[in-house]
Amino acid sequence: MGTLWFREIKKQASLFLHDKYNVARLVLTDVTETELLVEEVTNDDPSSPDAKTMTKIADASFNTVDYWRIVDVLHRKKRGRRDEEVERSLQGHGVVGVLINTWSSSFAS
């Protein structure tokens, strides 16, 4: 019981610090919320991103500046990895897939 409680406290503290770090990056650097979302989605977490986050990224991609920021984040992620790691990283490809589907459906209508 004590171990589960400690893990939960540790998880909450980690989430709190991560949130404060992101807020500081938003305030002090030239980074947008969309870039933070793309970085979060393309991390090494094996679980898939939630639909709400992917919808926010897809909506932001209609803004030309945000679209190029998304592409820049994906390029930075790819540049920092070896080819084998890029192939295993399906989440980055998932973001690209959402962008392609969003843009192609908007042109079709």
N, C-alpha and C. Protein backbone atom coordinates (compact mmCIF):
# COMPACT_ATOMS: atom_id res chain seq x y z
N MET A 1 0.82 -1.19 0.00
CA MET A 1 0.00 0.00 0.00
C MET A 1 0.86 1.25 0.00
N GLY A 2 1.92 1.26 0.79
CA GLY A 2 2.80 2.41 0.85
C GLY A 2 3.52 2.66 -0.48
N THR A 3 3.85 1.57 -1.18
CA THR A 3 4.54 1.70 -2.46
C THR A 3 3.63 2.32 -3.51
N LEU A 4 2.36 1.91 -3.53
CA LEU A 4 1.41 2.49 -4.48
C LEU A 4 1.20 3.97 -4.20
N TRP A 5 1.11 4.33 -2.95
CA TRP A 5 0.93 5.73 -2.57
C TRP A 5 2.14 6.55 -3.00
N PHE A 6 3.35 6.01 -2.78
CA PHE A 6 4.58 6.70 -3.16
C PHE A 6 4.65 6.88 -4.67
N ARG A 7 4.28 5.85 -5.43
CA ARG A 7 4.28 5.95 -6.90
C ARG A 7 3.32 7.04 -7.37
N GLU A 8 2.16 7.11 -6.75
CA GLU A 8 1.17 8.12 -7.14
C GLU A 8 1.69 9.52 -6.83
N ILE A 9 2.31 9.70 -5.68
CA ILE A 9 2.89 11.01 -5.33
C ILE A 9 4.00 11.36 -6.32
N LYS A 10 4.83 10.39 -6.63
CA LYS A 10 5.93 10.60 -7.57
C LYS A 10 5.40 10.97 -8.95
N LYS A 11 4.34 10.31 -9.39
CA LYS A 11 3.73 10.59 -10.70
C LYS A 11 3.15 12.00 -10.71
N GLN A 12 2.43 12.37 -9.65
CA GLN A 12 1.83 13.70 -9.57
C GLN A 12 2.91 14.79 -9.56
N ALA A 13 3.98 14.56 -8.84
CA ALA A 13 5.07 15.54 -8.79
C ALA A 13 5.73 15.68 -10.16
N SER A 14 5.90 14.57 -10.83
CA SER A 14 6.50 14.60 -12.17
C SER A 14 5.62 15.37 -13.15
N LEU A 15 4.32 15.12 -13.11
CA LEU A 15 3.40 15.83 -13.99
C LEU A 15 3.37 17.32 -13.68
N PHE A 16 3.41 17.65 -12.40
CA PHE A 16 3.41 19.05 -11.99
C PHE A 16 4.66 19.77 -12.51
N LEU A 17 5.83 19.16 -12.32
CA LEU A 17 7.07 19.76 -12.78
C LEU A 17 7.12 19.87 -14.30
N HIS A 18 6.64 18.84 -14.98
CA HIS A 18 6.60 18.87 -16.45
C HIS A 18 5.69 20.00 -16.94
N ASP A 19 4.56 20.18 -16.29
CA ASP A 19 3.63 21.26 -16.65
C ASP A 19 4.28 22.63 -16.43
N LYS A 20 4.95 22.81 -15.31
CA LYS A 20 5.62 24.08 -15.02
C LYS A 20 6.76 24.34 -16.00
N TYR A 21 7.46 23.30 -16.40
CA TYR A 21 8.52 23.43 -17.40
C TYR A 21 7.94 23.90 -18.73
N ASN A 22 6.81 23.32 -19.15
CA ASN A 22 6.17 23.74 -20.40
C ASN A 22 5.68 25.18 -20.33
N VAL A 23 5.12 25.58 -19.20
CA VAL A 23 4.67 26.96 -19.04
C VAL A 23 5.87 27.92 -19.14
N ALA A 24 6.97 27.55 -18.53
CA ALA A 24 8.17 28.39 -18.60
C ALA A 24 8.68 28.48 -20.03
N ARG A 25 8.62 27.40 -20.76
CA ARG A 25 9.05 27.43 -22.16
C ARG A 25 8.14 28.32 -22.99
N LEU A 26 6.84 28.28 -22.73
CA LEU A 26 5.90 29.13 -23.45
C LEU A 26 6.18 30.61 -23.19
N VAL A 27 6.51 30.93 -21.96
CA VAL A 27 6.72 32.32 -21.57
C VAL A 27 8.09 32.83 -22.02
N LEU A 28 9.13 32.04 -21.84
CA LEU A 28 10.49 32.52 -22.02
C LEU A 28 11.08 32.28 -23.42
N THR A 29 10.51 31.38 -24.18
CA THR A 29 11.07 31.07 -25.50
C THR A 29 10.01 31.26 -26.57
N ASP A 30 10.44 31.15 -27.79
CA ASP A 30 9.54 31.28 -28.93
C ASP A 30 8.98 29.90 -29.31
N VAL A 31 8.21 29.34 -28.42
CA VAL A 31 7.59 28.04 -28.67
C VAL A 31 6.09 28.20 -28.50
N THR A 32 5.33 27.48 -29.30
CA THR A 32 3.87 27.57 -29.22
C THR A 32 3.31 26.34 -28.52
N GLU A 33 2.06 26.44 -28.14
CA GLU A 33 1.39 25.29 -27.52
C GLU A 33 1.33 24.11 -28.48
N THR A 34 1.17 24.40 -29.76
CA THR A 34 1.13 23.33 -30.77
C THR A 34 2.44 22.56 -30.79
N GLU A 35 3.56 23.28 -30.74
CA GLU A 35 4.85 22.60 -30.73
C GLU A 35 5.00 21.70 -29.50
N LEU A 36 4.53 22.19 -28.36
CA LEU A 36 4.59 21.37 -27.15
C LEU A 36 3.74 20.12 -27.29
N LEU A 37 2.57 20.26 -27.91
CA LEU A 37 1.70 19.09 -28.13
C LEU A 37 2.37 18.08 -29.04
N VAL A 38 3.00 18.56 -30.12
CA VAL A 38 3.66 17.64 -31.05
C VAL A 38 4.83 16.94 -30.36
N GLU A 39 5.60 17.67 -29.55
CA GLU A 39 6.69 17.04 -28.81
C GLU A 39 6.16 15.99 -27.84
N GLU A 40 5.05 16.29 -27.20
CA GLU A 40 4.46 15.34 -26.26
C GLU A 40 3.96 14.08 -26.97
N VAL A 41 3.36 14.28 -28.14
CA VAL A 41 2.81 13.14 -28.89
C VAL A 41 3.92 12.27 -29.45
N THR A 42 5.03 12.87 -29.84
CA THR A 42 6.11 12.10 -30.47
C THR A 42 7.18 11.67 -29.49
N ASN A 43 6.90 11.68 -28.20
CA ASN A 43 7.89 11.20 -27.24
C ASN A 43 8.00 9.68 -27.34
N ASP A 44 8.81 9.10 -26.54
CA ASP A 44 9.06 7.65 -26.62
C ASP A 44 8.06 6.81 -25.86
N ASP A 45 6.95 7.40 -25.44
CA ASP A 45 5.91 6.67 -24.73
C ASP A 45 5.21 5.73 -25.71
N PRO A 46 5.15 4.43 -25.40
CA PRO A 46 4.55 3.48 -26.35
C PRO A 46 3.03 3.61 -26.52
N SER A 47 2.38 4.29 -25.59
CA SER A 47 0.92 4.43 -25.72
C SER A 47 0.60 5.46 -26.80
N SER A 48 -0.52 5.27 -27.45
CA SER A 48 -0.88 6.18 -28.53
C SER A 48 -1.46 7.47 -27.96
N PRO A 49 -1.31 8.57 -28.70
CA PRO A 49 -1.84 9.85 -28.21
C PRO A 49 -3.37 9.86 -28.25
N ASP A 50 -3.97 10.67 -27.42
CA ASP A 50 -5.43 10.73 -27.39
C ASP A 50 -5.95 11.55 -28.57
N ALA A 51 -7.20 11.31 -28.89
CA ALA A 51 -7.82 11.95 -30.05
C ALA A 51 -7.94 13.46 -29.88
N LYS A 52 -8.13 13.91 -28.67
CA LYS A 52 -8.27 15.35 -28.41
C LYS A 52 -6.98 16.10 -28.78
N THR A 53 -5.85 15.54 -28.40
CA THR A 53 -4.56 16.16 -28.72
C THR A 53 -4.33 16.15 -30.22
N MET A 54 -4.61 15.04 -30.86
CA MET A 54 -4.41 14.96 -32.31
C MET A 54 -5.34 15.92 -33.04
N THR A 55 -6.55 16.13 -32.53
CA THR A 55 -7.47 17.09 -33.14
C THR A 55 -6.93 18.51 -33.01
N LYS A 56 -6.37 18.84 -31.85
CA LYS A 56 -5.78 20.17 -31.67
C LYS A 56 -4.63 20.39 -32.65
N ILE A 57 -3.81 19.37 -32.84
CA ILE A 57 -2.68 19.48 -33.77
C ILE A 57 -3.20 19.64 -35.20
N ALA A 58 -4.21 18.86 -35.56
CA ALA A 58 -4.77 18.95 -36.91
C ALA A 58 -5.40 20.31 -37.15
N ASP A 59 -6.11 20.83 -36.18
CA ASP A 59 -6.71 22.17 -36.32
C ASP A 59 -5.64 23.24 -36.45
N ALA A 60 -4.58 23.12 -35.68
CA ALA A 60 -3.50 24.11 -35.74
C ALA A 60 -2.76 24.05 -37.07
N SER A 61 -2.78 22.91 -37.72
CA SER A 61 -2.03 22.77 -38.98
C SER A 61 -2.63 23.61 -40.10
N PHE A 62 -3.85 24.09 -39.95
CA PHE A 62 -4.44 24.95 -40.98
C PHE A 62 -3.83 26.35 -40.96
N ASN A 63 -3.19 26.71 -39.85
CA ASN A 63 -2.45 27.96 -39.78
C ASN A 63 -1.06 27.68 -40.36
N THR A 64 -0.66 28.44 -41.37
CA THR A 64 0.59 28.17 -42.07
C THR A 64 1.80 28.20 -41.15
N VAL A 65 1.84 29.16 -40.24
CA VAL A 65 2.97 29.27 -39.32
C VAL A 65 3.02 28.05 -38.40
N ASP A 66 1.88 27.65 -37.85
CA ASP A 66 1.85 26.47 -36.98
C ASP A 66 2.19 25.20 -37.75
N TYR A 67 1.74 25.12 -38.99
CA TYR A 67 2.05 23.93 -39.81
C TYR A 67 3.57 23.77 -39.93
N TRP A 68 4.28 24.85 -40.25
CA TRP A 68 5.72 24.76 -40.42
C TRP A 68 6.42 24.51 -39.09
N ARG A 69 5.83 24.98 -38.00
CA ARG A 69 6.40 24.67 -36.69
C ARG A 69 6.25 23.18 -36.37
N ILE A 70 5.10 22.61 -36.75
CA ILE A 70 4.87 21.17 -36.55
C ILE A 70 5.89 20.38 -37.36
N VAL A 71 6.06 20.75 -38.61
CA VAL A 71 7.02 20.06 -39.47
C VAL A 71 8.44 20.19 -38.91
N ASP A 72 8.77 21.37 -38.39
CA ASP A 72 10.09 21.58 -37.80
C ASP A 72 10.32 20.67 -36.60
N VAL A 73 9.31 20.53 -35.74
CA VAL A 73 9.45 19.64 -34.58
C VAL A 73 9.66 18.20 -35.05
N LEU A 74 8.91 17.77 -36.05
CA LEU A 74 9.07 16.40 -36.56
C LEU A 74 10.46 16.21 -37.17
N HIS A 75 10.97 17.21 -37.87
CA HIS A 75 12.32 17.11 -38.43
C HIS A 75 13.37 17.05 -37.33
N ARG A 76 13.21 17.85 -36.30
CA ARG A 76 14.16 17.81 -35.18
C ARG A 76 14.15 16.45 -34.50
N LYS A 77 12.95 15.88 -34.33
CA LYS A 77 12.85 14.56 -33.71
C LYS A 77 13.55 13.51 -34.57
N LYS A 78 13.35 13.60 -35.89
CA LYS A 78 13.96 12.62 -36.78
C LYS A 78 15.48 12.79 -36.82
N ARG A 79 15.95 14.02 -36.82
CA ARG A 79 17.38 14.31 -36.87
C ARG A 79 18.10 13.76 -35.64
N GLY A 80 17.43 13.73 -34.52
CA GLY A 80 18.06 13.28 -33.28
C GLY A 80 18.07 11.78 -33.08
N ARG A 81 17.53 11.04 -34.03
CA ARG A 81 17.43 9.58 -33.86
C ARG A 81 18.15 8.85 -34.97
N ARG A 82 18.50 7.62 -34.68
CA ARG A 82 19.07 6.76 -35.71
C ARG A 82 17.93 6.25 -36.59
N ASP A 83 18.27 5.71 -37.75
CA ASP A 83 17.26 5.24 -38.70
C ASP A 83 16.38 4.15 -38.11
N GLU A 84 16.97 3.24 -37.32
CA GLU A 84 16.17 2.15 -36.73
C GLU A 84 15.13 2.71 -35.76
N GLU A 85 15.54 3.73 -35.00
CA GLU A 85 14.61 4.32 -34.03
C GLU A 85 13.50 5.08 -34.73
N VAL A 86 13.81 5.69 -35.86
CA VAL A 86 12.78 6.41 -36.62
C VAL A 86 11.75 5.44 -37.14
N GLU A 87 12.20 4.29 -37.61
CA GLU A 87 11.26 3.28 -38.13
C GLU A 87 10.34 2.77 -37.04
N ARG A 88 10.86 2.65 -35.82
CA ARG A 88 10.02 2.16 -34.72
C ARG A 88 9.09 3.23 -34.18
N SER A 89 9.39 4.48 -34.45
CA SER A 89 8.59 5.57 -33.90
C SER A 89 7.36 5.79 -34.78
N LEU A 90 6.31 5.08 -34.50
CA LEU A 90 5.09 5.21 -35.28
C LEU A 90 4.29 6.44 -34.90
N GLN A 91 4.53 7.00 -33.74
CA GLN A 91 3.76 8.16 -33.31
C GLN A 91 4.06 9.36 -34.18
N GLY A 92 5.31 9.56 -34.54
CA GLY A 92 5.65 10.66 -35.45
C GLY A 92 4.98 10.48 -36.79
N HIS A 93 4.93 9.23 -37.25
CA HIS A 93 4.26 8.95 -38.50
C HIS A 93 2.75 9.14 -38.36
N GLY A 94 2.24 8.89 -37.16
CA GLY A 94 0.81 9.10 -36.91
C GLY A 94 0.44 10.57 -37.02
N VAL A 95 1.30 11.45 -36.54
CA VAL A 95 1.05 12.89 -36.66
C VAL A 95 1.05 13.28 -38.12
N VAL A 96 2.02 12.78 -38.87
CA VAL A 96 2.07 13.09 -40.31
C VAL A 96 0.82 12.56 -41.00
N GLY A 97 0.38 11.38 -40.63
CA GLY A 97 -0.84 10.82 -41.21
C GLY A 97 -2.06 11.67 -40.94
N VAL A 98 -2.18 12.16 -39.72
CA VAL A 98 -3.31 13.03 -39.38
C VAL A 98 -3.26 14.31 -40.20
N LEU A 99 -2.07 14.88 -40.33
CA LEU A 99 -1.93 16.10 -41.12
C LEU A 99 -2.31 15.87 -42.58
N ILE A 100 -1.86 14.76 -43.14
CA ILE A 100 -2.17 14.46 -44.54
C ILE A 100 -3.68 14.25 -44.71
N ASN A 101 -4.28 13.48 -43.82
CA ASN A 101 -5.72 13.25 -43.93
C ASN A 101 -6.52 14.53 -43.74
N THR A 102 -6.11 15.37 -42.82
CA THR A 102 -6.82 16.64 -42.57
C THR A 102 -6.73 17.54 -43.78
N TRP A 103 -5.53 17.69 -44.31
CA TRP A 103 -5.34 18.59 -45.45
C TRP A 103 -6.02 18.05 -46.71
N SER A 104 -5.93 16.73 -46.94
CA SER A 104 -6.53 16.17 -48.15
C SER A 104 -8.06 16.25 -48.10
N SER A 105 -8.64 16.05 -46.91
CA SER A 105 -10.09 16.14 -46.80
C SER A 105 -10.57 17.57 -46.96
N SER A 106 -9.75 18.54 -46.55
CA SER A 106 -10.16 19.95 -46.71
C SER A 106 -10.08 20.36 -48.16
N PHE A 107 -9.15 19.82 -48.92
CA PHE A 107 -9.07 20.15 -50.34
C PHE A 107 -10.17 19.45 -51.14
N ALA A 108 -10.60 18.29 -50.68
CA ALA A 108 -11.64 17.55 -51.39
C ALA A 108 -13.00 18.24 -51.25
N SER A 109 -13.21 18.94 -50.14
CA SER A 109 -14.53 19.56 -49.93
C SER A 109 -14.59 20.97 -50.42
